[in-house]
Amino acid sequence: MAIIPLDLLDRIRALERQVRDLMGSARARPAATVRTAAADTLSAQAVPYPRPWPVAAARWESTGSAGWTTLYRSTGIVRHPRLYCRIDAEGGPSAGLRLLVDGVPTGPEGGAGGLDFTEPVNAASGTVVTFEVQARVTTAGETVRCLPVALYGVRA
């Protein structure tokens, strides 16, 4: 058997002791995490993946109306203080686009270039709200097409 210096044996024993200590602490369970109502409100219960949508704008909802026309409607539960919205659109220069939350316009109006904004939601956490995407054109004969591609709550 080869002769191993004692200082190396001492180092190996020290390392083995540290590994045993670490193994023991790894088996110990951490204390239960305390959750608060505020933490539950701001944490996502389930984060949806974006749904696939038609790429061809000809398959998007459209209107040629001069008055605001609801093209999309959904409901959701407010979980975050702010709302991120992105709507793709195409149309003529008179195209208008907006998002309503419970019948109230939220964020800026968009046009043929679409809509992309983050704004506060004027509803309490846990409230069920109705989202509507509306569009219009102010020049006769024009059409605007749109498709909501993102609509979700954000913390900041």
N, C-alpha and C. Protein backbone atom coordinates (compact mmCIF):
# COMPACT_ATOMS: atom_id res chain seq x y z
N MET A 1 0.84 -1.17 0.00
CA MET A 1 0.00 0.00 0.00
C MET A 1 0.89 1.23 0.00
N ALA A 2 0.47 2.22 -0.77
CA ALA A 2 1.27 3.45 -0.89
C ALA A 2 1.19 4.25 0.40
N ILE A 3 2.23 4.98 0.65
CA ILE A 3 2.29 5.81 1.85
C ILE A 3 1.64 7.16 1.53
N ILE A 4 0.59 7.52 2.29
CA ILE A 4 -0.11 8.78 2.09
C ILE A 4 0.21 9.67 3.27
N PRO A 5 0.65 10.88 3.00
CA PRO A 5 0.97 11.80 4.11
C PRO A 5 -0.25 12.02 5.01
N LEU A 6 0.00 12.19 6.29
CA LEU A 6 -1.08 12.36 7.26
C LEU A 6 -1.91 13.60 7.00
N ASP A 7 -1.31 14.67 6.52
CA ASP A 7 -2.09 15.88 6.29
C ASP A 7 -3.14 15.66 5.19
N LEU A 8 -2.85 14.82 4.20
CA LEU A 8 -3.85 14.50 3.18
C LEU A 8 -4.97 13.66 3.76
N LEU A 9 -4.62 12.69 4.62
CA LEU A 9 -5.65 11.88 5.27
C LEU A 9 -6.55 12.75 6.14
N ASP A 10 -5.92 13.69 6.86
CA ASP A 10 -6.71 14.60 7.69
C ASP A 10 -7.66 15.44 6.83
N ARG A 11 -7.19 15.89 5.69
CA ARG A 11 -8.04 16.69 4.80
C ARG A 11 -9.20 15.86 4.25
N ILE A 12 -8.92 14.63 3.88
CA ILE A 12 -9.98 13.75 3.36
C ILE A 12 -11.03 13.50 4.44
N ARG A 13 -10.58 13.24 5.68
CA ARG A 13 -11.52 13.02 6.78
C ARG A 13 -12.38 14.26 7.03
N ALA A 14 -11.76 15.43 6.95
CA ALA A 14 -12.50 16.69 7.15
C ALA A 14 -13.54 16.87 6.05
N LEU A 15 -13.17 16.56 4.82
CA LEU A 15 -14.13 16.66 3.70
C LEU A 15 -15.28 15.67 3.87
N GLU A 16 -14.97 14.44 4.29
CA GLU A 16 -16.02 13.46 4.52
C GLU A 16 -16.98 13.93 5.61
N ARG A 17 -16.44 14.54 6.65
CA ARG A 17 -17.26 15.05 7.75
C ARG A 17 -18.18 16.18 7.24
N GLN A 18 -17.64 17.07 6.41
CA GLN A 18 -18.45 18.16 5.85
C GLN A 18 -19.56 17.62 4.95
N VAL A 19 -19.25 16.60 4.17
CA VAL A 19 -20.27 15.99 3.30
C VAL A 19 -21.37 15.38 4.14
N ARG A 20 -21.00 14.67 5.22
CA ARG A 20 -22.02 14.07 6.10
C ARG A 20 -22.90 15.16 6.72
N ASP A 21 -22.27 16.26 7.15
CA ASP A 21 -23.04 17.37 7.74
C ASP A 21 -24.02 17.97 6.71
N LEU A 22 -23.53 18.14 5.50
CA LEU A 22 -24.39 18.69 4.45
C LEU A 22 -25.53 17.74 4.10
N MET A 23 -25.23 16.46 4.04
CA MET A 23 -26.27 15.47 3.75
C MET A 23 -27.36 15.49 4.82
N GLY A 24 -26.96 15.63 6.06
CA GLY A 24 -27.92 15.68 7.15
C GLY A 24 -28.79 16.92 7.07
N SER A 25 -28.18 18.07 6.75
CA SER A 25 -28.98 19.30 6.67
C SER A 25 -29.87 19.30 5.43
N ALA A 26 -29.47 18.59 4.39
CA ALA A 26 -30.31 18.52 3.19
C ALA A 26 -31.57 17.70 3.45
N ARG A 27 -31.50 16.75 4.36
CA ARG A 27 -32.67 15.93 4.67
C ARG A 27 -33.68 16.68 5.54
N ALA A 28 -33.21 17.68 6.26
CA ALA A 28 -34.11 18.44 7.13
C ALA A 28 -35.05 19.29 6.26
N ARG A 29 -36.33 19.34 6.63
CA ARG A 29 -37.30 20.11 5.86
C ARG A 29 -37.31 21.56 6.35
N PRO A 30 -37.44 22.49 5.41
CA PRO A 30 -37.53 23.90 5.82
C PRO A 30 -38.88 24.17 6.48
N ALA A 31 -38.95 25.24 7.25
CA ALA A 31 -40.20 25.62 7.90
C ALA A 31 -41.24 25.97 6.84
N ALA A 32 -42.51 25.79 7.16
CA ALA A 32 -43.59 26.10 6.21
C ALA A 32 -43.57 27.59 5.88
N THR A 33 -43.82 27.90 4.62
CA THR A 33 -43.84 29.28 4.18
C THR A 33 -45.16 29.92 4.61
N VAL A 34 -45.08 31.08 5.22
CA VAL A 34 -46.29 31.80 5.66
C VAL A 34 -46.78 32.62 4.48
N ARG A 35 -48.05 32.43 4.09
CA ARG A 35 -48.64 33.17 2.97
C ARG A 35 -49.57 34.23 3.52
N THR A 36 -49.61 35.36 2.83
CA THR A 36 -50.51 36.43 3.23
C THR A 36 -51.54 36.65 2.11
N ALA A 37 -52.62 37.35 2.44
CA ALA A 37 -53.64 37.64 1.44
C ALA A 37 -53.05 38.48 0.32
N ALA A 38 -52.16 39.41 0.64
CA ALA A 38 -51.54 40.25 -0.39
C ALA A 38 -50.67 39.40 -1.32
N ALA A 39 -49.95 38.44 -0.76
CA ALA A 39 -49.11 37.58 -1.60
C ALA A 39 -49.96 36.75 -2.53
N ASP A 40 -51.10 36.23 -2.05
CA ASP A 40 -52.00 35.45 -2.90
C ASP A 40 -52.58 36.30 -4.02
N THR A 41 -52.87 37.57 -3.72
CA THR A 41 -53.45 38.45 -4.72
C THR A 41 -52.49 38.70 -5.86
N LEU A 42 -51.21 38.90 -5.54
CA LEU A 42 -50.25 39.27 -6.56
C LEU A 42 -49.58 38.08 -7.23
N SER A 43 -49.68 36.90 -6.64
CA SER A 43 -49.06 35.75 -7.27
C SER A 43 -50.04 35.13 -8.25
N ALA A 44 -49.51 34.61 -9.31
CA ALA A 44 -50.37 34.01 -10.33
C ALA A 44 -50.77 32.61 -9.90
N GLN A 45 -52.05 32.34 -9.90
CA GLN A 45 -52.54 31.00 -9.59
C GLN A 45 -52.22 30.08 -10.76
N ALA A 46 -52.48 30.57 -11.95
CA ALA A 46 -52.18 29.84 -13.18
C ALA A 46 -51.83 30.87 -14.24
N VAL A 47 -50.74 30.68 -14.89
CA VAL A 47 -50.33 31.62 -15.93
C VAL A 47 -50.59 30.96 -17.28
N PRO A 48 -51.54 31.50 -18.03
CA PRO A 48 -51.85 30.86 -19.32
C PRO A 48 -50.77 31.14 -20.35
N TYR A 49 -50.57 30.17 -21.23
CA TYR A 49 -49.71 30.40 -22.39
C TYR A 49 -50.53 31.13 -23.44
N PRO A 50 -49.89 31.93 -24.26
CA PRO A 50 -50.65 32.61 -25.31
C PRO A 50 -51.29 31.58 -26.24
N ARG A 51 -52.50 31.86 -26.63
CA ARG A 51 -53.18 30.93 -27.54
C ARG A 51 -52.74 31.22 -28.97
N PRO A 52 -52.67 30.21 -29.81
CA PRO A 52 -52.36 30.45 -31.22
C PRO A 52 -53.52 31.19 -31.88
N TRP A 53 -53.22 32.02 -32.86
CA TRP A 53 -54.25 32.77 -33.55
C TRP A 53 -53.95 32.79 -35.04
N PRO A 54 -54.97 33.12 -35.84
CA PRO A 54 -54.76 33.15 -37.28
C PRO A 54 -53.73 34.22 -37.66
N VAL A 55 -52.82 33.86 -38.53
CA VAL A 55 -51.80 34.81 -38.98
C VAL A 55 -52.38 35.70 -40.09
N ALA A 56 -53.24 35.14 -40.92
CA ALA A 56 -53.84 35.89 -42.02
C ALA A 56 -54.85 36.89 -41.46
N ALA A 57 -54.59 38.19 -41.67
CA ALA A 57 -55.47 39.22 -41.15
C ALA A 57 -56.88 39.11 -41.70
N ALA A 58 -57.04 38.48 -42.85
CA ALA A 58 -58.38 38.31 -43.43
C ALA A 58 -59.27 37.47 -42.53
N ARG A 59 -58.68 36.70 -41.63
CA ARG A 59 -59.47 35.85 -40.73
C ARG A 59 -59.75 36.52 -39.38
N TRP A 60 -59.25 37.75 -39.19
CA TRP A 60 -59.51 38.50 -37.96
C TRP A 60 -60.90 39.12 -38.04
N GLU A 61 -61.47 39.43 -36.87
CA GLU A 61 -62.75 40.14 -36.84
C GLU A 61 -62.55 41.54 -37.42
N SER A 62 -63.59 42.06 -38.08
CA SER A 62 -63.45 43.37 -38.72
C SER A 62 -64.76 44.14 -38.67
N THR A 63 -64.64 45.44 -38.94
CA THR A 63 -65.83 46.29 -39.03
C THR A 63 -65.54 47.43 -39.99
N GLY A 64 -66.60 47.91 -40.61
CA GLY A 64 -66.54 49.09 -41.45
C GLY A 64 -67.46 50.16 -40.90
N SER A 65 -67.92 49.96 -39.67
CA SER A 65 -68.87 50.87 -39.01
C SER A 65 -68.19 52.14 -38.53
N ALA A 66 -68.93 53.26 -38.59
CA ALA A 66 -68.42 54.53 -38.07
C ALA A 66 -68.59 54.62 -36.56
N GLY A 67 -69.45 53.78 -36.00
CA GLY A 67 -69.65 53.76 -34.54
C GLY A 67 -68.81 52.65 -33.91
N TRP A 68 -68.50 52.82 -32.62
CA TRP A 68 -67.71 51.80 -31.93
C TRP A 68 -68.47 50.48 -31.95
N THR A 69 -67.81 49.43 -32.43
CA THR A 69 -68.41 48.10 -32.55
C THR A 69 -67.58 47.10 -31.76
N THR A 70 -68.22 46.33 -30.90
CA THR A 70 -67.51 45.32 -30.11
C THR A 70 -67.22 44.12 -31.01
N LEU A 71 -65.93 43.82 -31.16
CA LEU A 71 -65.51 42.69 -31.97
C LEU A 71 -65.13 41.48 -31.13
N TYR A 72 -64.66 41.71 -29.90
CA TYR A 72 -64.27 40.62 -29.00
C TYR A 72 -64.76 40.97 -27.60
N ARG A 73 -65.18 39.94 -26.85
CA ARG A 73 -65.63 40.13 -25.47
C ARG A 73 -65.21 38.92 -24.65
N SER A 74 -64.77 39.17 -23.43
CA SER A 74 -64.44 38.08 -22.50
C SER A 74 -64.58 38.59 -21.08
N THR A 75 -64.57 37.67 -20.14
CA THR A 75 -64.58 38.05 -18.73
C THR A 75 -63.33 37.52 -18.06
N GLY A 76 -62.95 38.14 -16.97
CA GLY A 76 -61.78 37.70 -16.22
C GLY A 76 -61.85 38.19 -14.80
N ILE A 77 -61.01 37.63 -13.96
CA ILE A 77 -60.94 38.03 -12.55
C ILE A 77 -59.69 38.87 -12.37
N VAL A 78 -59.84 40.04 -11.80
CA VAL A 78 -58.70 40.94 -11.56
C VAL A 78 -57.84 40.34 -10.46
N ARG A 79 -56.55 40.13 -10.74
CA ARG A 79 -55.60 39.59 -9.77
C ARG A 79 -54.40 40.50 -9.57
N HIS A 80 -54.20 41.44 -10.48
CA HIS A 80 -53.04 42.33 -10.43
C HIS A 80 -53.51 43.77 -10.60
N PRO A 81 -52.74 44.72 -10.10
CA PRO A 81 -53.19 46.11 -10.14
C PRO A 81 -53.12 46.76 -11.53
N ARG A 82 -52.36 46.16 -12.45
CA ARG A 82 -52.21 46.76 -13.78
C ARG A 82 -52.54 45.73 -14.86
N LEU A 83 -52.88 46.24 -16.02
CA LEU A 83 -53.29 45.42 -17.16
C LEU A 83 -52.35 45.67 -18.32
N TYR A 84 -51.85 44.59 -18.94
CA TYR A 84 -51.08 44.72 -20.17
C TYR A 84 -51.99 44.29 -21.32
N CYS A 85 -52.04 45.09 -22.37
CA CYS A 85 -52.89 44.82 -23.51
C CYS A 85 -52.10 45.02 -24.79
N ARG A 86 -52.22 44.05 -25.70
CA ARG A 86 -51.65 44.20 -27.04
C ARG A 86 -52.66 43.66 -28.03
N ILE A 87 -53.02 44.51 -28.99
CA ILE A 87 -53.97 44.14 -30.03
C ILE A 87 -53.33 44.48 -31.37
N ASP A 88 -53.23 43.49 -32.23
CA ASP A 88 -52.73 43.73 -33.59
C ASP A 88 -53.89 44.20 -34.44
N ALA A 89 -53.61 45.11 -35.37
CA ALA A 89 -54.68 45.65 -36.23
C ALA A 89 -54.10 46.06 -37.57
N GLU A 90 -54.98 46.14 -38.53
CA GLU A 90 -54.62 46.74 -39.81
C GLU A 90 -55.88 47.35 -40.41
N GLY A 91 -55.67 48.41 -41.15
CA GLY A 91 -56.79 49.12 -41.76
C GLY A 91 -56.31 50.45 -42.29
N GLY A 92 -57.26 51.26 -42.66
CA GLY A 92 -56.94 52.57 -43.21
C GLY A 92 -56.57 53.58 -42.14
N PRO A 93 -56.25 54.80 -42.56
CA PRO A 93 -55.81 55.84 -41.61
C PRO A 93 -56.91 56.28 -40.64
N SER A 94 -58.17 56.01 -40.96
CA SER A 94 -59.24 56.43 -40.04
C SER A 94 -59.61 55.35 -39.03
N ALA A 95 -58.87 54.26 -39.01
CA ALA A 95 -59.19 53.15 -38.10
C ALA A 95 -59.00 53.57 -36.65
N GLY A 96 -59.91 53.13 -35.80
CA GLY A 96 -59.82 53.36 -34.37
C GLY A 96 -59.99 52.05 -33.62
N LEU A 97 -59.34 51.96 -32.48
CA LEU A 97 -59.33 50.73 -31.71
C LEU A 97 -59.25 51.09 -30.24
N ARG A 98 -60.01 50.40 -29.38
CA ARG A 98 -59.92 50.66 -27.94
C ARG A 98 -60.30 49.43 -27.15
N LEU A 99 -59.90 49.43 -25.86
CA LEU A 99 -60.25 48.36 -24.93
C LEU A 99 -61.13 48.95 -23.84
N LEU A 100 -62.20 48.26 -23.52
CA LEU A 100 -63.08 48.67 -22.43
C LEU A 100 -63.01 47.63 -21.32
N VAL A 101 -62.98 48.09 -20.08
CA VAL A 101 -63.06 47.22 -18.91
C VAL A 101 -64.34 47.60 -18.18
N ASP A 102 -65.29 46.70 -18.15
CA ASP A 102 -66.62 46.95 -17.59
C ASP A 102 -67.25 48.21 -18.20
N GLY A 103 -67.12 48.34 -19.50
CA GLY A 103 -67.76 49.44 -20.22
C GLY A 103 -67.01 50.76 -20.19
N VAL A 104 -65.86 50.81 -19.52
CA VAL A 104 -65.09 52.05 -19.41
C VAL A 104 -63.82 51.93 -20.25
N PRO A 105 -63.59 52.89 -21.18
CA PRO A 105 -62.35 52.84 -21.96
C PRO A 105 -61.13 52.85 -21.05
N THR A 106 -60.18 51.95 -21.34
CA THR A 106 -58.96 51.83 -20.54
C THR A 106 -57.77 51.94 -21.47
N GLY A 107 -56.81 52.78 -21.11
CA GLY A 107 -55.63 52.96 -21.94
C GLY A 107 -55.92 53.89 -23.11
N PRO A 108 -54.92 54.09 -23.95
CA PRO A 108 -55.08 54.99 -25.10
C PRO A 108 -55.86 54.31 -26.23
N GLU A 109 -56.34 55.11 -27.15
CA GLU A 109 -56.93 54.56 -28.37
C GLU A 109 -55.82 54.22 -29.34
N GLY A 110 -56.04 53.17 -30.10
CA GLY A 110 -55.09 52.78 -31.12
C GLY A 110 -55.68 52.99 -32.50
N GLY A 111 -54.89 52.67 -33.50
CA GLY A 111 -55.34 52.81 -34.88
C GLY A 111 -54.96 51.59 -35.68
N ALA A 112 -54.68 51.83 -36.96
CA ALA A 112 -54.35 50.72 -37.86
C ALA A 112 -53.06 50.01 -37.44
N GLY A 113 -52.22 50.67 -36.66
CA GLY A 113 -50.98 50.05 -36.19
C GLY A 113 -51.18 49.17 -34.97
N GLY A 114 -52.40 49.14 -34.43
CA GLY A 114 -52.67 48.30 -33.27
C GLY A 114 -52.65 49.08 -31.97
N LEU A 115 -52.57 48.35 -30.90
CA LEU A 115 -52.66 48.93 -29.56
C LEU A 115 -51.73 48.14 -28.65
N ASP A 116 -50.93 48.85 -27.85
CA ASP A 116 -49.97 48.20 -26.95
C ASP A 116 -49.78 49.12 -25.75
N PHE A 117 -50.27 48.70 -24.57
CA PHE A 117 -50.15 49.57 -23.39
C PHE A 117 -50.21 48.76 -22.10
N THR A 118 -49.79 49.40 -21.01
CA THR A 118 -49.94 48.90 -19.65
C THR A 118 -50.58 50.02 -18.84
N GLU A 119 -51.70 49.73 -18.20
CA GLU A 119 -52.45 50.74 -17.45
C GLU A 119 -53.00 50.13 -16.17
N PRO A 120 -53.29 50.97 -15.16
CA PRO A 120 -53.94 50.46 -13.96
C PRO A 120 -55.35 49.93 -14.28
N VAL A 121 -55.76 48.90 -13.56
CA VAL A 121 -57.12 48.38 -13.68
C VAL A 121 -57.94 49.04 -12.59
N ASN A 122 -59.03 49.65 -12.96
CA ASN A 122 -59.87 50.34 -11.97
C ASN A 122 -60.92 49.40 -11.40
N ALA A 123 -60.44 48.31 -10.80
CA ALA A 123 -61.32 47.34 -10.15
C ALA A 123 -60.53 46.67 -9.04
N ALA A 124 -61.23 46.30 -7.99
CA ALA A 124 -60.58 45.65 -6.84
C ALA A 124 -60.17 44.23 -7.19
N SER A 125 -59.13 43.76 -6.53
CA SER A 125 -58.67 42.39 -6.73
C SER A 125 -59.79 41.41 -6.39
N GLY A 126 -59.96 40.41 -7.24
CA GLY A 126 -61.01 39.43 -7.04
C GLY A 126 -62.31 39.76 -7.76
N THR A 127 -62.39 40.95 -8.34
CA THR A 127 -63.58 41.37 -9.05
C THR A 127 -63.64 40.73 -10.43
N VAL A 128 -64.81 40.27 -10.83
CA VAL A 128 -65.00 39.75 -12.19
C VAL A 128 -65.34 40.95 -13.07
N VAL A 129 -64.57 41.11 -14.15
CA VAL A 129 -64.79 42.23 -15.07
C VAL A 129 -65.00 41.70 -16.49
N THR A 130 -65.59 42.53 -17.31
CA THR A 130 -65.80 42.21 -18.73
C THR A 130 -64.86 43.07 -19.56
N PHE A 131 -64.11 42.41 -20.45
CA PHE A 131 -63.22 43.09 -21.38
C PHE A 131 -63.88 43.12 -22.75
N GLU A 132 -63.82 44.27 -23.41
CA GLU A 132 -64.34 44.38 -24.77
C GLU A 132 -63.31 45.08 -25.65
N VAL A 133 -63.09 44.55 -26.83
CA VAL A 133 -62.26 45.20 -27.84
C VAL A 133 -63.22 45.78 -28.86
N GLN A 134 -63.13 47.10 -29.02
CA GLN A 134 -64.01 47.79 -29.96
C GLN A 134 -63.18 48.44 -31.06
N ALA A 135 -63.80 48.55 -32.24
CA ALA A 135 -63.13 49.19 -33.37
C ALA A 135 -64.14 50.01 -34.15
N ARG A 136 -63.63 50.97 -34.94
CA ARG A 136 -64.47 51.78 -35.82
C ARG A 136 -63.60 52.40 -36.90
N VAL A 137 -64.23 52.91 -37.92
CA VAL A 137 -63.56 53.71 -38.94
C VAL A 137 -64.35 55.01 -39.08
N THR A 138 -63.67 56.09 -39.35
CA THR A 138 -64.37 57.36 -39.48
C THR A 138 -64.52 57.79 -40.94
N THR A 139 -63.97 57.03 -41.85
CA THR A 139 -64.11 57.29 -43.28
C THR A 139 -64.91 56.16 -43.91
N ALA A 140 -65.98 56.53 -44.60
CA ALA A 140 -66.83 55.52 -45.24
C ALA A 140 -66.02 54.70 -46.24
N GLY A 141 -66.31 53.41 -46.28
CA GLY A 141 -65.65 52.52 -47.22
C GLY A 141 -64.39 51.85 -46.68
N GLU A 142 -63.88 52.32 -45.57
CA GLU A 142 -62.69 51.69 -44.97
C GLU A 142 -63.12 50.56 -44.05
N THR A 143 -62.17 49.68 -43.77
CA THR A 143 -62.39 48.56 -42.86
C THR A 143 -61.21 48.47 -41.92
N VAL A 144 -61.47 48.09 -40.67
CA VAL A 144 -60.40 47.82 -39.71
C VAL A 144 -60.55 46.38 -39.24
N ARG A 145 -59.43 45.68 -39.19
CA ARG A 145 -59.39 44.30 -38.68
C ARG A 145 -58.48 44.29 -37.47
N CYS A 146 -58.83 43.48 -36.47
CA CYS A 146 -57.97 43.42 -35.29
C CYS A 146 -58.03 42.04 -34.65
N LEU A 147 -57.04 41.79 -33.82
CA LEU A 147 -56.93 40.53 -33.09
C LEU A 147 -56.21 40.78 -31.77
N PRO A 148 -56.87 40.53 -30.61
CA PRO A 148 -56.17 40.63 -29.34
C PRO A 148 -55.14 39.51 -29.22
N VAL A 149 -53.90 39.87 -28.93
CA VAL A 149 -52.85 38.86 -28.81
C VAL A 149 -52.30 38.75 -27.39
N ALA A 150 -52.58 39.74 -26.54
CA ALA A 150 -52.15 39.66 -25.14
C ALA A 150 -53.09 40.51 -24.30
N LEU A 151 -53.56 39.93 -23.20
CA LEU A 151 -54.40 40.65 -22.26
C LEU A 151 -54.24 39.96 -20.91
N TYR A 152 -53.41 40.55 -20.04
CA TYR A 152 -53.19 39.92 -18.74
C TYR A 152 -52.75 40.94 -17.71
N GLY A 153 -52.84 40.54 -16.43
CA GLY A 153 -52.49 41.41 -15.33
C GLY A 153 -50.99 41.38 -15.04
N VAL A 154 -50.48 42.52 -14.61
CA VAL A 154 -49.07 42.63 -14.23
C VAL A 154 -48.96 43.38 -12.92
N ARG A 155 -47.88 43.14 -12.19
CA ARG A 155 -47.69 43.80 -10.89
C ARG A 155 -47.30 45.25 -11.02
N ALA A 156 -46.39 45.53 -11.92
CA ALA A 156 -45.89 46.91 -12.03
C ALA A 156 -45.92 47.41 -13.44
